[in-house]
Amino acid sequence: MNRVELMELKESCNGDPVLIRKELEKYFDTAEGRRVLDNAPKCLLYTIDGQDVKGIETTKELAIKMLLQEVG
């Protein structure tokens, strides 16, 4: 899913985050969505003091959370 498709999804769901989440969950359950997650770069997490940085796998839930923030 590219940025244009994400914004089209937002419009088709009238900006309702519950509906957007449901559609994103469906998308990431498809073969294409799983492939996207498999190829996604790791996300960086920082501690409060900023000293500990580690990469974690981009999970379906993390991807959905980040995309929902994007369409805010």
PDB file of N, CA and C in Angstrom:
ATOM      1  N   MET A   1       0.862  -1.170   0.000  1.00  0.00           N
ATOM      2  CA  MET A   1       0.000   0.000   0.000  1.00  0.00           C
ATOM      3  C   MET A   1       0.906   1.230   0.000  1.00  0.00           C
ATOM      4  N   ASN A   2       0.679   2.083  -0.948  1.00  0.00           N
ATOM      5  CA  ASN A   2       1.464   3.317  -0.994  1.00  0.00           C
ATOM      6  C   ASN A   2       0.683   4.450  -0.324  1.00  0.00           C
ATOM      7  N   ARG A   3       1.296   5.605  -0.271  1.00  0.00           N
ATOM      8  CA  ARG A   3       0.708   6.757   0.418  1.00  0.00           C
ATOM      9  C   ARG A   3      -0.628   7.184  -0.201  1.00  0.00           C
ATOM     10  N   VAL A   4      -0.706   7.163  -1.518  1.00  0.00           N
ATOM     11  CA  VAL A   4      -1.946   7.543  -2.196  1.00  0.00           C
ATOM     12  C   VAL A   4      -3.063   6.572  -1.820  1.00  0.00           C
ATOM     13  N   GLU A   5      -2.752   5.276  -1.838  1.00  0.00           N
ATOM     14  CA  GLU A   5      -3.755   4.267  -1.464  1.00  0.00           C
ATOM     15  C   GLU A   5      -4.182   4.428  -0.007  1.00  0.00           C
ATOM     16  N   LEU A   6      -3.238   4.780   0.866  1.00  0.00           N
ATOM     17  CA  LEU A   6      -3.571   5.001   2.271  1.00  0.00           C
ATOM     18  C   LEU A   6      -4.539   6.173   2.416  1.00  0.00           C
ATOM     19  N   MET A   7      -4.291   7.248   1.697  1.00  0.00           N
ATOM     20  CA  MET A   7      -5.182   8.406   1.778  1.00  0.00           C
ATOM     21  C   MET A   7      -6.548   8.092   1.155  1.00  0.00           C
ATOM     22  N   GLU A   8      -6.564   7.285   0.109  1.00  0.00           N
ATOM     23  CA  GLU A   8      -7.843   6.858  -0.475  1.00  0.00           C
ATOM     24  C   GLU A   8      -8.622   6.003   0.518  1.00  0.00           C
ATOM     25  N   LEU A   9      -7.905   5.143   1.257  1.00  0.00           N
ATOM     26  CA  LEU A   9      -8.541   4.327   2.289  1.00  0.00           C
ATOM     27  C   LEU A   9      -9.142   5.228   3.363  1.00  0.00           C
ATOM     28  N   LYS A  10      -8.397   6.238   3.767  1.00  0.00           N
ATOM     29  CA  LYS A  10      -8.893   7.182   4.771  1.00  0.00           C
ATOM     30  C   LYS A  10     -10.181   7.843   4.290  1.00  0.00           C
ATOM     31  N   GLU A  11     -10.179   8.290   3.047  1.00  0.00           N
ATOM     32  CA  GLU A  11     -11.371   8.941   2.496  1.00  0.00           C
ATOM     33  C   GLU A  11     -12.548   7.979   2.406  1.00  0.00           C
ATOM     34  N   SER A  12     -12.288   6.747   1.958  1.00  0.00           N
ATOM     35  CA  SER A  12     -13.374   5.780   1.803  1.00  0.00           C
ATOM     36  C   SER A  12     -13.980   5.380   3.151  1.00  0.00           C
ATOM     37  N   CYS A  13     -13.195   5.537   4.223  1.00  0.00           N
ATOM     38  CA  CYS A  13     -13.676   5.232   5.573  1.00  0.00           C
ATOM     39  C   CYS A  13     -14.136   6.495   6.306  1.00  0.00           C
ATOM     40  N   ASN A  14     -14.230   7.611   5.580  1.00  0.00           N
ATOM     41  CA  ASN A  14     -14.641   8.896   6.154  1.00  0.00           C
ATOM     42  C   ASN A  14     -13.803   9.280   7.364  1.00  0.00           C
ATOM     43  N   GLY A  15     -12.532   8.872   7.357  1.00  0.00           N
ATOM     44  CA  GLY A  15     -11.628   9.237   8.443  1.00  0.00           C
ATOM     45  C   GLY A  15     -11.867   8.504   9.751  1.00  0.00           C
ATOM     46  N   ASP A  16     -12.765   7.529   9.753  1.00  0.00           N
ATOM     47  CA  ASP A  16     -13.083   6.787  10.978  1.00  0.00           C
ATOM     48  C   ASP A  16     -11.944   5.813  11.299  1.00  0.00           C
ATOM     49  N   PRO A  17     -11.218   6.046  12.405  1.00  0.00           N
ATOM     50  CA  PRO A  17     -10.070   5.198  12.718  1.00  0.00           C
ATOM     51  C   PRO A  17     -10.425   3.734  12.956  1.00  0.00           C
ATOM     52  N   VAL A  18     -11.619   3.466  13.437  1.00  0.00           N
ATOM     53  CA  VAL A  18     -12.035   2.076  13.658  1.00  0.00           C
ATOM     54  C   VAL A  18     -12.168   1.352  12.311  1.00  0.00           C
ATOM     55  N   LEU A  19     -12.797   2.015  11.347  1.00  0.00           N
ATOM     56  CA  LEU A  19     -12.942   1.411  10.016  1.00  0.00           C
ATOM     57  C   LEU A  19     -11.595   1.295   9.305  1.00  0.00           C
ATOM     58  N   ILE A  20     -10.761   2.311   9.451  1.00  0.00           N
ATOM     59  CA  ILE A  20      -9.438   2.269   8.825  1.00  0.00           C
ATOM     60  C   ILE A  20      -8.645   1.102   9.393  1.00  0.00           C
ATOM     61  N   ARG A  21      -8.678   0.928  10.725  1.00  0.00           N
ATOM     62  CA  ARG A  21      -7.970  -0.184  11.363  1.00  0.00           C
ATOM     63  C   ARG A  21      -8.443  -1.528  10.807  1.00  0.00           C
ATOM     64  N   LYS A  22      -9.757  -1.697  10.679  1.00  0.00           N
ATOM     65  CA  LYS A  22     -10.302  -2.957  10.159  1.00  0.00           C
ATOM     66  C   LYS A  22      -9.800  -3.228   8.742  1.00  0.00           C
ATOM     67  N   GLU A  23      -9.784  -2.193   7.915  1.00  0.00           N
ATOM     68  CA  GLU A  23      -9.315  -2.355   6.540  1.00  0.00           C
ATOM     69  C   GLU A  23      -7.819  -2.655   6.490  1.00  0.00           C
ATOM     70  N   LEU A  24      -7.049  -2.012   7.349  1.00  0.00           N
ATOM     71  CA  LEU A  24      -5.610  -2.277   7.400  1.00  0.00           C
ATOM     72  C   LEU A  24      -5.344  -3.704   7.890  1.00  0.00           C
ATOM     73  N   GLU A  25      -6.123  -4.161   8.861  1.00  0.00           N
ATOM     74  CA  GLU A  25      -5.969  -5.535   9.337  1.00  0.00           C
ATOM     75  C   GLU A  25      -6.240  -6.518   8.202  1.00  0.00           C
ATOM     76  N   LYS A  26      -7.284  -6.251   7.430  1.00  0.00           N
ATOM     77  CA  LYS A  26      -7.584  -7.112   6.270  1.00  0.00           C
ATOM     78  C   LYS A  26      -6.433  -7.095   5.280  1.00  0.00           C
ATOM     79  N   TYR A  27      -5.899  -5.907   5.018  1.00  0.00           N
ATOM     80  CA  TYR A  27      -4.801  -5.767   4.059  1.00  0.00           C
ATOM     81  C   TYR A  27      -3.581  -6.570   4.505  1.00  0.00           C
ATOM     82  N   PHE A  28      -3.193  -6.440   5.766  1.00  0.00           N
ATOM     83  CA  PHE A  28      -2.000  -7.137   6.237  1.00  0.00           C
ATOM     84  C   PHE A  28      -2.220  -8.642   6.393  1.00  0.00           C
ATOM     85  N   ASP A  29      -3.456  -9.111   6.274  1.00  0.00           N
ATOM     86  CA  ASP A  29      -3.733 -10.544   6.271  1.00  0.00           C
ATOM     87  C   ASP A  29      -3.669 -11.144   4.862  1.00  0.00           C
ATOM     88  N   THR A  30      -3.524 -10.286   3.846  1.00  0.00           N
ATOM     89  CA  THR A  30      -3.401 -10.783   2.472  1.00  0.00           C
ATOM     90  C   THR A  30      -1.945 -11.161   2.197  1.00  0.00           C
ATOM     91  N   ALA A  31      -1.737 -11.885   1.108  1.00  0.00           N
ATOM     92  CA  ALA A  31      -0.374 -12.264   0.717  1.00  0.00           C
ATOM     93  C   ALA A  31       0.482 -11.018   0.485  1.00  0.00           C
ATOM     94  N   GLU A  32      -0.077 -10.017  -0.181  1.00  0.00           N
ATOM     95  CA  GLU A  32       0.659  -8.780  -0.438  1.00  0.00           C
ATOM     96  C   GLU A  32       1.034  -8.087   0.875  1.00  0.00           C
ATOM     97  N   GLY A  33       0.085  -7.990   1.781  1.00  0.00           N
ATOM     98  CA  GLY A  33       0.339  -7.335   3.063  1.00  0.00           C
ATOM     99  C   GLY A  33       1.401  -8.050   3.878  1.00  0.00           C
ATOM    100  N   ARG A  34       1.360  -9.386   3.883  1.00  0.00           N
ATOM    101  CA  ARG A  34       2.387 -10.149   4.601  1.00  0.00           C
ATOM    102  C   ARG A  34       3.756  -9.944   3.968  1.00  0.00           C
ATOM    103  N   ARG A  35       3.789  -9.861   2.642  1.00  0.00           N
ATOM    104  CA  ARG A  35       5.046  -9.619   1.932  1.00  0.00           C
ATOM    105  C   ARG A  35       5.616  -8.243   2.307  1.00  0.00           C
ATOM    106  N   VAL A  36       4.738  -7.248   2.386  1.00  0.00           N
ATOM    107  CA  VAL A  36       5.161  -5.899   2.768  1.00  0.00           C
ATOM    108  C   VAL A  36       5.777  -5.926   4.168  1.00  0.00           C
ATOM    109  N   LEU A  37       5.137  -6.604   5.102  1.00  0.00           N
ATOM    110  CA  LEU A  37       5.671  -6.686   6.466  1.00  0.00           C
ATOM    111  C   LEU A  37       7.002  -7.427   6.494  1.00  0.00           C
ATOM    112  N   ASP A  38       7.111  -8.490   5.710  1.00  0.00           N
ATOM    113  CA  ASP A  38       8.362  -9.258   5.661  1.00  0.00           C
ATOM    114  C   ASP A  38       9.518  -8.416   5.137  1.00  0.00           C
ATOM    115  N   ASN A  39       9.220  -7.485   4.242  1.00  0.00           N
ATOM    116  CA  ASN A  39      10.261  -6.653   3.631  1.00  0.00           C
ATOM    117  C   ASN A  39      10.442  -5.297   4.310  1.00  0.00           C
ATOM    118  N   ALA A  40       9.626  -5.015   5.325  1.00  0.00           N
ATOM    119  CA  ALA A  40       9.702  -3.715   6.004  1.00  0.00           C
ATOM    120  C   ALA A  40      10.994  -3.623   6.810  1.00  0.00           C
ATOM    121  N   PRO A  41      11.585  -2.436   6.844  1.00  0.00           N
ATOM    122  CA  PRO A  41      12.779  -2.270   7.685  1.00  0.00           C
ATOM    123  C   PRO A  41      12.404  -2.381   9.153  1.00  0.00           C
ATOM    124  N   LYS A  42      13.380  -2.694   9.968  1.00  0.00           N
ATOM    125  CA  LYS A  42      13.135  -2.737  11.402  1.00  0.00           C
ATOM    126  C   LYS A  42      12.828  -1.328  11.901  1.00  0.00           C
ATOM    127  N   CYS A  43      12.013  -1.250  12.937  1.00  0.00           N
ATOM    128  CA  CYS A  43      11.707   0.028  13.575  1.00  0.00           C
ATOM    129  C   CYS A  43      12.720   0.242  14.691  1.00  0.00           C
ATOM    130  N   LEU A  44      13.107   1.455  14.886  1.00  0.00           N
ATOM    131  CA  LEU A  44      14.037   1.769  15.969  1.00  0.00           C
ATOM    132  C   LEU A  44      13.258   2.235  17.190  1.00  0.00           C
ATOM    133  N   LEU A  45      13.605   1.666  18.325  1.00  0.00           N
ATOM    134  CA  LEU A  45      13.009   2.070  19.593  1.00  0.00           C
ATOM    135  C   LEU A  45      14.100   2.673  20.455  1.00  0.00           C
ATOM    136  N   TYR A  46      13.774   3.738  21.135  1.00  0.00           N
ATOM    137  CA  TYR A  46      14.726   4.433  21.991  1.00  0.00           C
ATOM    138  C   TYR A  46      14.229   4.393  23.432  1.00  0.00           C
ATOM    139  N   THR A  47      15.164   4.320  24.365  1.00  0.00           N
ATOM    140  CA  THR A  47      14.791   4.425  25.765  1.00  0.00           C
ATOM    141  C   THR A  47      14.578   5.900  26.093  1.00  0.00           C
ATOM    142  N   ILE A  48      14.053   6.160  27.258  1.00  0.00           N
ATOM    143  CA  ILE A  48      13.785   7.543  27.664  1.00  0.00           C
ATOM    144  C   ILE A  48      15.064   8.364  27.685  1.00  0.00           C
ATOM    145  N   ASP A  49      16.169   7.766  28.141  1.00  0.00           N
ATOM    146  CA  ASP A  49      17.414   8.530  28.202  1.00  0.00           C
ATOM    147  C   ASP A  49      18.126   8.597  26.850  1.00  0.00           C
ATOM    148  N   GLY A  50      17.598   7.880  25.857  1.00  0.00           N
ATOM    149  CA  GLY A  50      18.156   7.940  24.514  1.00  0.00           C
ATOM    150  C   GLY A  50      19.422   7.138  24.323  1.00  0.00           C
ATOM    151  N   GLN A  51      19.835   6.387  25.336  1.00  0.00           N
ATOM    152  CA  GLN A  51      21.086   5.643  25.262  1.00  0.00           C
ATOM    153  C   GLN A  51      20.925   4.267  24.619  1.00  0.00           C
ATOM    154  N   ASP A  52      19.805   3.629  24.806  1.00  0.00           N
ATOM    155  CA  ASP A  52      19.605   2.276  24.302  1.00  0.00           C
ATOM    156  C   ASP A  52      18.746   2.317  23.042  1.00  0.00           C
ATOM    157  N   VAL A  53      19.349   1.975  21.931  1.00  0.00           N
ATOM    158  CA  VAL A  53      18.631   1.961  20.655  1.00  0.00           C
ATOM    159  C   VAL A  53      18.652   0.529  20.140  1.00  0.00           C
ATOM    160  N   LYS A  54      17.494   0.016  19.775  1.00  0.00           N
ATOM    161  CA  LYS A  54      17.463  -1.335  19.227  1.00  0.00           C
ATOM    162  C   LYS A  54      16.420  -1.411  18.120  1.00  0.00           C
ATOM    163  N   GLY A  55      16.669  -2.278  17.179  1.00  0.00           N
ATOM    164  CA  GLY A  55      15.719  -2.482  16.100  1.00  0.00           C
ATOM    165  C   GLY A  55      14.790  -3.632  16.428  1.00  0.00           C
ATOM    166  N   ILE A  56      13.525  -3.473  16.130  1.00  0.00           N
ATOM    167  CA  ILE A  56      12.563  -4.561  16.318  1.00  0.00           C
ATOM    168  C   ILE A  56      11.851  -4.807  15.000  1.00  0.00           C
ATOM    169  N   GLU A  57      11.374  -6.014  14.830  1.00  0.00           N
ATOM    170  CA  GLU A  57      10.636  -6.343  13.612  1.00  0.00           C
ATOM    171  C   GLU A  57       9.366  -5.518  13.524  1.00  0.00           C
ATOM    172  N   THR A  58       9.006  -5.149  12.320  1.00  0.00           N
ATOM    173  CA  THR A  58       7.761  -4.425  12.098  1.00  0.00           C
ATOM    174  C   THR A  58       6.630  -5.447  12.034  1.00  0.00           C
ATOM    175  N   THR A  59       5.838  -5.494  13.082  1.00  0.00           N
ATOM    176  CA  THR A  59       4.724  -6.425  13.155  1.00  0.00           C
ATOM    177  C   THR A  59       3.482  -5.795  12.522  1.00  0.00           C
ATOM    178  N   LYS A  60       2.491  -6.611  12.313  1.00  0.00           N
ATOM    179  CA  LYS A  60       1.216  -6.125  11.769  1.00  0.00           C
ATOM    180  C   LYS A  60       0.652  -5.026  12.676  1.00  0.00           C
ATOM    181  N   GLU A  61       0.644  -5.279  13.983  1.00  0.00           N
ATOM    182  CA  GLU A  61       0.071  -4.311  14.921  1.00  0.00           C
ATOM    183  C   GLU A  61       0.864  -3.005  14.931  1.00  0.00           C
ATOM    184  N   LEU A  62       2.181  -3.100  14.902  1.00  0.00           N
ATOM    185  CA  LEU A  62       3.015  -1.900  14.888  1.00  0.00           C
ATOM    186  C   LEU A  62       2.801  -1.107  13.599  1.00  0.00           C
ATOM    187  N   ALA A  63       2.725  -1.807  12.471  1.00  0.00           N
ATOM    188  CA  ALA A  63       2.502  -1.140  11.188  1.00  0.00           C
ATOM    189  C   ALA A  63       1.153  -0.418  11.187  1.00  0.00           C
ATOM    190  N   ILE A  64       0.122  -1.071  11.696  1.00  0.00           N
ATOM    191  CA  ILE A  64      -1.206  -0.454  11.745  1.00  0.00           C
ATOM    192  C   ILE A  64      -1.181   0.780  12.646  1.00  0.00           C
ATOM    193  N   LYS A  65      -0.533   0.666  13.797  1.00  0.00           N
ATOM    194  CA  LYS A  65      -0.447   1.799  14.725  1.00  0.00           C
ATOM    195  C   LYS A  65       0.239   2.987  14.053  1.00  0.00           C
ATOM    196  N   MET A  66       1.324   2.724  13.358  1.00  0.00           N
ATOM    197  CA  MET A  66       2.063   3.800  12.695  1.00  0.00           C
ATOM    198  C   MET A  66       1.254   4.407  11.552  1.00  0.00           C
ATOM    199  N   LEU A  67       0.560   3.577  10.783  1.00  0.00           N
ATOM    200  CA  LEU A  67      -0.246   4.087   9.688  1.00  0.00           C
ATOM    201  C   LEU A  67      -1.436   4.905  10.194  1.00  0.00           C
ATOM    202  N   LEU A  68      -2.021   4.477  11.303  1.00  0.00           N
ATOM    203  CA  LEU A  68      -3.113   5.267  11.884  1.00  0.00           C
ATOM    204  C   LEU A  68      -2.618   6.629  12.354  1.00  0.00           C
ATOM    205  N   GLN A  69      -1.402   6.686  12.865  1.00  0.00           N
ATOM    206  CA  GLN A  69      -0.834   7.974  13.249  1.00  0.00           C
ATOM    207  C   GLN A  69      -0.625   8.840  11.995  1.00  0.00           C
ATOM    208  N   GLU A  70      -0.241   8.190  10.914  1.00  0.00           N
ATOM    209  CA  GLU A  70       0.012   8.905   9.657  1.00  0.00           C
ATOM    210  C   GLU A  70      -1.264   9.587   9.137  1.00  0.00           C
ATOM    211  N   VAL A  71      -2.383   8.887   9.222  1.00  0.00           N
ATOM    212  CA  VAL A  71      -3.638   9.461   8.699  1.00  0.00           C
ATOM    213  C   VAL A  71      -4.362  10.298   9.736  1.00  0.00           C
ATOM    214  N   GLY A  72      -3.869  10.245  10.989  1.00  0.00           N
ATOM    215  CA  GLY A  72      -4.353  10.993  12.132  1.00  0.00           C
ATOM    216  C   GLY A  72      -5.572  11.742  11.940  1.00  0.00           C
TER     217      GLY A  72
END
